Amino acid sequence: TGGCSKMEGVIELAEEVFHMPVRLGVPQHVSGLVDVVRNPIHSTGVGLLLYGHQHAGEQQRREQRSEWAGKGLWVRMKNWFQGNF
């Protein structure tokens, strides 16, 4: 990936090293400035952005579930104390 993937002979070298067919990949599933981002030079950056976009909100959802679970426990404990004291 990246700029080195544009070097002359790098595909052949990779095929020799890995003993399997190699192709030059480009970022996919992107829109806007396609002529800029659909370039192997930007594949790592585009990949990280896509990953972040796809997983956005996961941490927030985990925290929210944890908060709800904590509130449920707190309410049960409070009700128990109120009922027993």
PDB file of N, CA and C in Angstrom:
ATOM      1  N   THR A   1       0.840  -1.185   0.000  1.00  0.00           N
ATOM      2  CA  THR A   1       0.000   0.000   0.000  1.00  0.00           C
ATOM      3  C   THR A   1       0.877   1.237   0.000  1.00  0.00           C
ATOM      4  N   GLY A   2       0.268   2.351  -0.195  1.00  0.00           N
ATOM      5  CA  GLY A   2       0.995   3.599  -0.134  1.00  0.00           C
ATOM      6  C   GLY A   2       1.797   3.879  -1.384  1.00  0.00           C
ATOM      7  N   GLY A   3       2.648   4.868  -1.281  1.00  0.00           N
ATOM      8  CA  GLY A   3       3.430   5.315  -2.421  1.00  0.00           C
ATOM      9  C   GLY A   3       4.380   4.278  -2.977  1.00  0.00           C
ATOM     10  N   CYS A   4       4.899   3.408  -2.126  1.00  0.00           N
ATOM     11  CA  CYS A   4       5.829   2.365  -2.600  1.00  0.00           C
ATOM     12  C   CYS A   4       5.162   1.418  -3.582  1.00  0.00           C
ATOM     13  N   SER A   5       3.855   1.286  -3.490  1.00  0.00           N
ATOM     14  CA  SER A   5       3.152   0.377  -4.394  1.00  0.00           C
ATOM     15  C   SER A   5       3.189   0.880  -5.835  1.00  0.00           C
ATOM     16  N   LYS A   6       3.531   2.139  -6.037  1.00  0.00           N
ATOM     17  CA  LYS A   6       3.611   2.705  -7.381  1.00  0.00           C
ATOM     18  C   LYS A   6       5.007   2.546  -7.994  1.00  0.00           C
ATOM     19  N   MET A   7       5.943   2.010  -7.214  1.00  0.00           N
ATOM     20  CA  MET A   7       7.303   1.842  -7.734  1.00  0.00           C
ATOM     21  C   MET A   7       7.324   0.790  -8.839  1.00  0.00           C
ATOM     22  N   GLU A   8       8.128   1.032  -9.823  1.00  0.00           N
ATOM     23  CA  GLU A   8       8.248   0.104 -10.939  1.00  0.00           C
ATOM     24  C   GLU A   8       8.824  -1.229 -10.453  1.00  0.00           C
ATOM     25  N   GLY A   9       8.172  -2.328 -10.819  1.00  0.00           N
ATOM     26  CA  GLY A   9       8.660  -3.663 -10.485  1.00  0.00           C
ATOM     27  C   GLY A   9       8.226  -4.187  -9.130  1.00  0.00           C
ATOM     28  N   VAL A  10       7.488  -3.405  -8.367  1.00  0.00           N
ATOM     29  CA  VAL A  10       7.120  -3.838  -7.017  1.00  0.00           C
ATOM     30  C   VAL A  10       6.143  -5.019  -7.049  1.00  0.00           C
ATOM     31  N   ILE A  11       5.265  -5.075  -8.033  1.00  0.00           N
ATOM     32  CA  ILE A  11       4.318  -6.192  -8.128  1.00  0.00           C
ATOM     33  C   ILE A  11       5.067  -7.488  -8.398  1.00  0.00           C
ATOM     34  N   GLU A  12       5.991  -7.446  -9.327  1.00  0.00           N
ATOM     35  CA  GLU A  12       6.776  -8.639  -9.642  1.00  0.00           C
ATOM     36  C   GLU A  12       7.606  -9.078  -8.437  1.00  0.00           C
ATOM     37  N   LEU A  13       8.177  -8.124  -7.723  1.00  0.00           N
ATOM     38  CA  LEU A  13       8.954  -8.443  -6.527  1.00  0.00           C
ATOM     39  C   LEU A  13       8.068  -9.100  -5.468  1.00  0.00           C
ATOM     40  N   ALA A  14       6.885  -8.553  -5.260  1.00  0.00           N
ATOM     41  CA  ALA A  14       5.963  -9.126  -4.276  1.00  0.00           C
ATOM     42  C   ALA A  14       5.551 -10.538  -4.673  1.00  0.00           C
ATOM     43  N   GLU A  15       5.314 -10.771  -5.951  1.00  0.00           N
ATOM     44  CA  GLU A  15       4.955 -12.119  -6.409  1.00  0.00           C
ATOM     45  C   GLU A  15       6.091 -13.098  -6.152  1.00  0.00           C
ATOM     46  N   GLU A  16       7.310 -12.639  -6.350  1.00  0.00           N
ATOM     47  CA  GLU A  16       8.477 -13.496  -6.106  1.00  0.00           C
ATOM     48  C   GLU A  16       8.638 -13.780  -4.613  1.00  0.00           C
ATOM     49  N   VAL A  17       8.433 -12.791  -3.782  1.00  0.00           N
ATOM     50  CA  VAL A  17       8.590 -12.951  -2.335  1.00  0.00           C
ATOM     51  C   VAL A  17       7.496 -13.846  -1.758  1.00  0.00           C
ATOM     52  N   PHE A  18       6.242 -13.622  -2.168  1.00  0.00           N
ATOM     53  CA  PHE A  18       5.109 -14.337  -1.577  1.00  0.00           C
ATOM     54  C   PHE A  18       4.731 -15.617  -2.319  1.00  0.00           C
ATOM     55  N   HIS A  19       5.335 -15.842  -3.477  1.00  0.00           N
ATOM     56  CA  HIS A  19       5.054 -17.041  -4.281  1.00  0.00           C
ATOM     57  C   HIS A  19       3.558 -17.180  -4.573  1.00  0.00           C
ATOM     58  N   MET A  20       2.935 -16.086  -4.909  1.00  0.00           N
ATOM     59  CA  MET A  20       1.513 -16.094  -5.277  1.00  0.00           C
ATOM     60  C   MET A  20       1.208 -14.846  -6.094  1.00  0.00           C
ATOM     61  N   PRO A  21       0.089 -14.864  -6.818  1.00  0.00           N
ATOM     62  CA  PRO A  21      -0.267 -13.689  -7.614  1.00  0.00           C
ATOM     63  C   PRO A  21      -0.515 -12.466  -6.726  1.00  0.00           C
ATOM     64  N   VAL A  22      -0.112 -11.321  -7.221  1.00  0.00           N
ATOM     65  CA  VAL A  22      -0.271 -10.060  -6.499  1.00  0.00           C
ATOM     66  C   VAL A  22      -0.898  -9.058  -7.454  1.00  0.00           C
ATOM     67  N   ARG A  23      -1.750  -8.214  -6.934  1.00  0.00           N
ATOM     68  CA  ARG A  23      -2.314  -7.141  -7.752  1.00  0.00           C
ATOM     69  C   ARG A  23      -2.250  -5.841  -6.967  1.00  0.00           C
ATOM     70  N   LEU A  24      -2.309  -4.772  -7.680  1.00  0.00           N
ATOM     71  CA  LEU A  24      -2.285  -3.451  -7.068  1.00  0.00           C
ATOM     72  C   LEU A  24      -3.714  -3.074  -6.697  1.00  0.00           C
ATOM     73  N   GLY A  25      -3.974  -2.895  -5.432  1.00  0.00           N
ATOM     74  CA  GLY A  25      -5.316  -2.546  -4.971  1.00  0.00           C
ATOM     75  C   GLY A  25      -5.485  -1.047  -4.837  1.00  0.00           C
ATOM     76  N   VAL A  26      -6.724  -0.634  -4.958  1.00  0.00           N
ATOM     77  CA  VAL A  26      -7.061   0.776  -4.775  1.00  0.00           C
ATOM     78  C   VAL A  26      -8.238   0.872  -3.813  1.00  0.00           C
ATOM     79  N   PRO A  27      -8.342   1.960  -3.065  1.00  0.00           N
ATOM     80  CA  PRO A  27      -9.470   2.122  -2.142  1.00  0.00           C
ATOM     81  C   PRO A  27     -10.804   2.050  -2.887  1.00  0.00           C
ATOM     82  N   GLN A  28     -11.760   1.353  -2.291  1.00  0.00           N
ATOM     83  CA  GLN A  28     -13.091   1.222  -2.881  1.00  0.00           C
ATOM     84  C   GLN A  28     -14.123   1.763  -1.908  1.00  0.00           C
ATOM     85  N   HIS A  29     -15.350   1.886  -2.388  1.00  0.00           N
ATOM     86  CA  HIS A  29     -16.479   2.337  -1.576  1.00  0.00           C
ATOM     87  C   HIS A  29     -16.258   3.749  -1.025  1.00  0.00           C
ATOM     88  N   VAL A  30     -15.703   4.610  -1.865  1.00  0.00           N
ATOM     89  CA  VAL A  30     -15.522   6.004  -1.474  1.00  0.00           C
ATOM     90  C   VAL A  30     -16.216   6.884  -2.507  1.00  0.00           C
ATOM     91  N   SER A  31     -16.671   8.031  -2.075  1.00  0.00           N
ATOM     92  CA  SER A  31     -17.305   8.960  -3.003  1.00  0.00           C
ATOM     93  C   SER A  31     -16.724  10.346  -2.772  1.00  0.00           C
ATOM     94  N   GLY A  32     -16.855  11.181  -3.756  1.00  0.00           N
ATOM     95  CA  GLY A  32     -16.290  12.519  -3.666  1.00  0.00           C
ATOM     96  C   GLY A  32     -14.784  12.468  -3.846  1.00  0.00           C
ATOM     97  N   LEU A  33     -14.255  13.321  -4.637  1.00  0.00           N
ATOM     98  CA  LEU A  33     -12.814  13.362  -4.923  1.00  0.00           C
ATOM     99  C   LEU A  33     -12.278  11.979  -5.287  1.00  0.00           C
ATOM    100  N   VAL A  34     -13.090  11.216  -6.023  1.00  0.00           N
ATOM    101  CA  VAL A  34     -12.730   9.842  -6.361  1.00  0.00           C
ATOM    102  C   VAL A  34     -11.390   9.788  -7.081  1.00  0.00           C
ATOM    103  N   ASP A  35     -11.129  10.749  -7.956  1.00  0.00           N
ATOM    104  CA  ASP A  35      -9.863  10.738  -8.684  1.00  0.00           C
ATOM    105  C   ASP A  35      -8.674  10.893  -7.744  1.00  0.00           C
ATOM    106  N   VAL A  36      -8.879  11.461  -6.582  1.00  0.00           N
ATOM    107  CA  VAL A  36      -7.794  11.634  -5.613  1.00  0.00           C
ATOM    108  C   VAL A  36      -7.664  10.415  -4.708  1.00  0.00           C
ATOM    109  N   VAL A  37      -8.782   9.963  -4.124  1.00  0.00           N
ATOM    110  CA  VAL A  37      -8.696   8.902  -3.115  1.00  0.00           C
ATOM    111  C   VAL A  37      -8.617   7.502  -3.699  1.00  0.00           C
ATOM    112  N   ARG A  38      -9.022   7.305  -4.946  1.00  0.00           N
ATOM    113  CA  ARG A  38      -8.898   5.976  -5.547  1.00  0.00           C
ATOM    114  C   ARG A  38      -7.492   5.829  -6.136  1.00  0.00           C
ATOM    115  N   ASN A  39      -6.536   5.919  -5.260  1.00  0.00           N
ATOM    116  CA  ASN A  39      -5.131   5.851  -5.631  1.00  0.00           C
ATOM    117  C   ASN A  39      -4.427   5.060  -4.537  1.00  0.00           C
ATOM    118  N   PRO A  40      -3.574   4.108  -4.893  1.00  0.00           N
ATOM    119  CA  PRO A  40      -2.904   3.299  -3.874  1.00  0.00           C
ATOM    120  C   PRO A  40      -2.116   4.117  -2.858  1.00  0.00           C
ATOM    121  N   ILE A  41      -1.703   5.311  -3.241  1.00  0.00           N
ATOM    122  CA  ILE A  41      -0.937   6.157  -2.329  1.00  0.00           C
ATOM    123  C   ILE A  41      -1.755   6.464  -1.074  1.00  0.00           C
ATOM    124  N   HIS A  42      -3.069   6.576  -1.239  1.00  0.00           N
ATOM    125  CA  HIS A  42      -3.947   6.963  -0.135  1.00  0.00           C
ATOM    126  C   HIS A  42      -4.665   5.781   0.512  1.00  0.00           C
ATOM    127  N   SER A  43      -4.316   4.548   0.153  1.00  0.00           N
ATOM    128  CA  SER A  43      -5.093   3.394   0.607  1.00  0.00           C
ATOM    129  C   SER A  43      -5.098   3.231   2.126  1.00  0.00           C
ATOM    130  N   THR A  44      -3.989   3.459   2.796  1.00  0.00           N
ATOM    131  CA  THR A  44      -3.962   3.312   4.255  1.00  0.00           C
ATOM    132  C   THR A  44      -4.844   4.362   4.919  1.00  0.00           C
ATOM    133  N   GLY A  45      -4.698   5.604   4.510  1.00  0.00           N
ATOM    134  CA  GLY A  45      -5.507   6.671   5.088  1.00  0.00           C
ATOM    135  C   GLY A  45      -6.990   6.479   4.829  1.00  0.00           C
ATOM    136  N   VAL A  46      -7.342   6.120   3.592  1.00  0.00           N
ATOM    137  CA  VAL A  46      -8.747   5.889   3.257  1.00  0.00           C
ATOM    138  C   VAL A  46      -9.278   4.700   4.047  1.00  0.00           C
ATOM    139  N   GLY A  47      -8.480   3.650   4.169  1.00  0.00           N
ATOM    140  CA  GLY A  47      -8.897   2.478   4.940  1.00  0.00           C
ATOM    141  C   GLY A  47      -9.161   2.815   6.394  1.00  0.00           C
ATOM    142  N   LEU A  48      -8.300   3.609   6.990  1.00  0.00           N
ATOM    143  CA  LEU A  48      -8.502   4.012   8.385  1.00  0.00           C
ATOM    144  C   LEU A  48      -9.753   4.873   8.544  1.00  0.00           C
ATOM    145  N   LEU A  49      -9.976   5.771   7.597  1.00  0.00           N
ATOM    146  CA  LEU A  49     -11.185   6.601   7.650  1.00  0.00           C
ATOM    147  C   LEU A  49     -12.445   5.755   7.503  1.00  0.00           C
ATOM    148  N   LEU A  50     -12.427   4.802   6.565  1.00  0.00           N
ATOM    149  CA  LEU A  50     -13.589   3.931   6.387  1.00  0.00           C
ATOM    150  C   LEU A  50     -13.836   3.092   7.630  1.00  0.00           C
ATOM    151  N   TYR A  51     -12.779   2.568   8.216  1.00  0.00           N
ATOM    152  CA  TYR A  51     -12.917   1.765   9.437  1.00  0.00           C
ATOM    153  C   TYR A  51     -13.526   2.612  10.555  1.00  0.00           C
ATOM    154  N   GLY A  52     -13.005   3.809  10.731  1.00  0.00           N
ATOM    155  CA  GLY A  52     -13.533   4.697  11.761  1.00  0.00           C
ATOM    156  C   GLY A  52     -14.992   5.035  11.525  1.00  0.00           C
ATOM    157  N   HIS A  53     -15.345   5.269  10.271  1.00  0.00           N
ATOM    158  CA  HIS A  53     -16.735   5.593   9.940  1.00  0.00           C
ATOM    159  C   HIS A  53     -17.653   4.404  10.207  1.00  0.00           C
ATOM    160  N   GLN A  54     -17.215   3.209   9.830  1.00  0.00           N
ATOM    161  CA  GLN A  54     -18.036   2.012  10.016  1.00  0.00           C
ATOM    162  C   GLN A  54     -18.206   1.666  11.489  1.00  0.00           C
ATOM    163  N   HIS A  55     -17.220   1.981  12.305  1.00  0.00           N
ATOM    164  CA  HIS A  55     -17.271   1.619  13.717  1.00  0.00           C
ATOM    165  C   HIS A  55     -17.616   2.803  14.620  1.00  0.00           C
ATOM    166  N   ALA A  56     -17.970   3.922  14.012  1.00  0.00           N
ATOM    167  CA  ALA A  56     -18.344   5.097  14.802  1.00  0.00           C
ATOM    168  C   ALA A  56     -19.579   4.776  15.622  1.00  0.00           C
ATOM    169  N   GLY A  57     -19.555   5.171  16.842  1.00  0.00           N
ATOM    170  CA  GLY A  57     -20.704   4.960  17.703  1.00  0.00           C
ATOM    171  C   GLY A  57     -20.670   3.662  18.483  1.00  0.00           C
ATOM    172  N   GLU A  58     -19.795   2.714  18.120  1.00  0.00           N
ATOM    173  CA  GLU A  58     -19.736   1.448  18.855  1.00  0.00           C
ATOM    174  C   GLU A  58     -19.366   1.684  20.313  1.00  0.00           C
ATOM    175  N   GLN A  59     -18.368   2.507  20.560  1.00  0.00           N
ATOM    176  CA  GLN A  59     -17.952   2.795  21.932  1.00  0.00           C
ATOM    177  C   GLN A  59     -19.087   3.483  22.678  1.00  0.00           C
ATOM    178  N   GLN A  60     -19.751   4.400  22.007  1.00  0.00           N
ATOM    179  CA  GLN A  60     -20.869   5.105  22.639  1.00  0.00           C
ATOM    180  C   GLN A  60     -21.981   4.119  22.987  1.00  0.00           C
ATOM    181  N   ARG A  61     -22.277   3.175  22.079  1.00  0.00           N
ATOM    182  CA  ARG A  61     -23.314   2.178  22.364  1.00  0.00           C
ATOM    183  C   ARG A  61     -22.908   1.296  23.535  1.00  0.00           C
ATOM    184  N   ARG A  62     -21.626   0.910  23.606  1.00  0.00           N
ATOM    185  CA  ARG A  62     -21.153   0.093  24.732  1.00  0.00           C
ATOM    186  C   ARG A  62     -21.298   0.859  26.041  1.00  0.00           C
ATOM    187  N   GLU A  63     -20.909   2.126  26.031  1.00  0.00           N
ATOM    188  CA  GLU A  63     -21.017   2.941  27.242  1.00  0.00           C
ATOM    189  C   GLU A  63     -22.475   3.117  27.647  1.00  0.00           C
ATOM    190  N   GLN A  64     -23.344   3.287  26.671  1.00  0.00           N
ATOM    191  CA  GLN A  64     -24.763   3.468  26.965  1.00  0.00           C
ATOM    192  C   GLN A  64     -25.345   2.194  27.572  1.00  0.00           C
ATOM    193  N   ARG A  65     -25.001   1.024  27.003  1.00  0.00           N
ATOM    194  CA  ARG A  65     -25.483  -0.241  27.564  1.00  0.00           C
ATOM    195  C   ARG A  65     -24.981  -0.411  28.982  1.00  0.00           C
ATOM    196  N   SER A  66     -23.725  -0.068  29.206  1.00  0.00           N
ATOM    197  CA  SER A  66     -23.144  -0.182  30.539  1.00  0.00           C
ATOM    198  C   SER A  66     -23.853   0.765  31.503  1.00  0.00           C
ATOM    199  N   GLU A  67     -24.148   1.966  31.027  1.00  0.00           N
ATOM    200  CA  GLU A  67     -24.839   2.951  31.869  1.00  0.00           C
ATOM    201  C   GLU A  67     -26.233   2.449  32.229  1.00  0.00           C
ATOM    202  N   TRP A  68     -26.936   1.885  31.245  1.00  0.00           N
ATOM    203  CA  TRP A  68     -28.275   1.358  31.510  1.00  0.00           C
ATOM    204  C   TRP A  68     -28.208   0.211  32.511  1.00  0.00           C
ATOM    205  N   ALA A  69     -27.232  -0.674  32.321  1.00  0.00           N
ATOM    206  CA  ALA A  69     -27.089  -1.810  33.236  1.00  0.00           C
ATOM    207  C   ALA A  69     -26.791  -1.303  34.641  1.00  0.00           C
ATOM    208  N   GLY A  70     -25.925  -0.306  34.743  1.00  0.00           N
ATOM    209  CA  GLY A  70     -25.596   0.264  36.044  1.00  0.00           C
ATOM    210  C   GLY A  70     -26.801   0.912  36.700  1.00  0.00           C
ATOM    211  N   LYS A  71     -27.607   1.617  35.901  1.00  0.00           N
ATOM    212  CA  LYS A  71     -28.816   2.242  36.447  1.00  0.00           C
ATOM    213  C   LYS A  71     -29.788   1.184  36.936  1.00  0.00           C
ATOM    214  N   GLY A  72     -29.918   0.101  36.193  1.00  0.00           N
ATOM    215  CA  GLY A  72     -30.814  -0.968  36.605  1.00  0.00           C
ATOM    216  C   GLY A  72     -30.383  -1.568  37.923  1.00  0.00           C
ATOM    217  N   LEU A  73     -29.099  -1.780  38.086  1.00  0.00           N
ATOM    218  CA  LEU A  73     -28.571  -2.323  39.333  1.00  0.00           C
ATOM    219  C   LEU A  73     -28.810  -1.332  40.465  1.00  0.00           C
ATOM    220  N   TRP A  74     -28.542  -0.062  40.211  1.00  0.00           N
ATOM    221  CA  TRP A  74     -28.723   0.967  41.236  1.00  0.00           C
ATOM    222  C   TRP A  74     -30.186   1.042  41.674  1.00  0.00           C
ATOM    223  N   VAL A  75     -31.091   1.015  40.709  1.00  0.00           N
ATOM    224  CA  VAL A  75     -32.524   1.083  41.031  1.00  0.00           C
ATOM    225  C   VAL A  75     -32.937  -0.128  41.851  1.00  0.00           C
ATOM    226  N   ARG A  76     -32.467  -1.317  41.496  1.00  0.00           N
ATOM    227  CA  ARG A  76     -32.810  -2.518  42.261  1.00  0.00           C
ATOM    228  C   ARG A  76     -32.274  -2.438  43.681  1.00  0.00           C
ATOM    229  N   MET A  77     -31.033  -1.961  43.828  1.00  0.00           N
ATOM    230  CA  MET A  77     -30.458  -1.836  45.172  1.00  0.00           C
ATOM    231  C   MET A  77     -31.237  -0.803  45.991  1.00  0.00           C
ATOM    232  N   LYS A  78     -31.558   0.327  45.372  1.00  0.00           N
ATOM    233  CA  LYS A  78     -32.308   1.375  46.065  1.00  0.00           C
ATOM    234  C   LYS A  78     -33.671   0.847  46.515  1.00  0.00           C
ATOM    235  N   ASN A  79     -34.358   0.144  45.622  1.00  0.00           N
ATOM    236  CA  ASN A  79     -35.662  -0.419  45.968  1.00  0.00           C
ATOM    237  C   ASN A  79     -35.542  -1.432  47.101  1.00  0.00           C
ATOM    238  N   TRP A  80     -34.494  -2.225  47.082  1.00  0.00           N
ATOM    239  CA  TRP A  80     -34.299  -3.219  48.142  1.00  0.00           C
ATOM    240  C   TRP A  80     -34.102  -2.532  49.490  1.00  0.00           C
ATOM    241  N   PHE A  81     -33.247  -1.490  49.498  1.00  0.00           N
ATOM    242  CA  PHE A  81     -33.012  -0.761  50.747  1.00  0.00           C
ATOM    243  C   PHE A  81     -34.293  -0.078  51.229  1.00  0.00           C
ATOM    244  N   GLN A  82     -35.026   0.530  50.311  1.00  0.00           N
ATOM    245  CA  GLN A  82     -36.272   1.196  50.701  1.00  0.00           C
ATOM    246  C   GLN A  82     -37.283   0.191  51.243  1.00  0.00           C
ATOM    247  N   GLY A  83     -37.317  -0.980  50.674  1.00  0.00           N
ATOM    248  CA  GLY A  83     -38.259  -1.993  51.119  1.00  0.00           C
ATOM    249  C   GLY A  83     -37.867  -2.645  52.435  1.00  0.00           C
ATOM    250  N   ASN A  84     -36.596  -2.637  52.763  1.00  0.00           N
ATOM    251  CA  ASN A  84     -36.117  -3.322  53.962  1.00  0.00           C
ATOM    252  C   ASN A  84     -35.792  -2.379  55.116  1.00  0.00           C
ATOM    253  N   PHE A  85     -35.688  -1.110  54.865  1.00  0.00           N
ATOM    254  CA  PHE A  85     -35.313  -0.191  55.955  1.00  0.00           C
ATOM    255  C   PHE A  85     -36.304   0.922  56.049  1.00  0.00           C
TER     256      PHE A  85
END
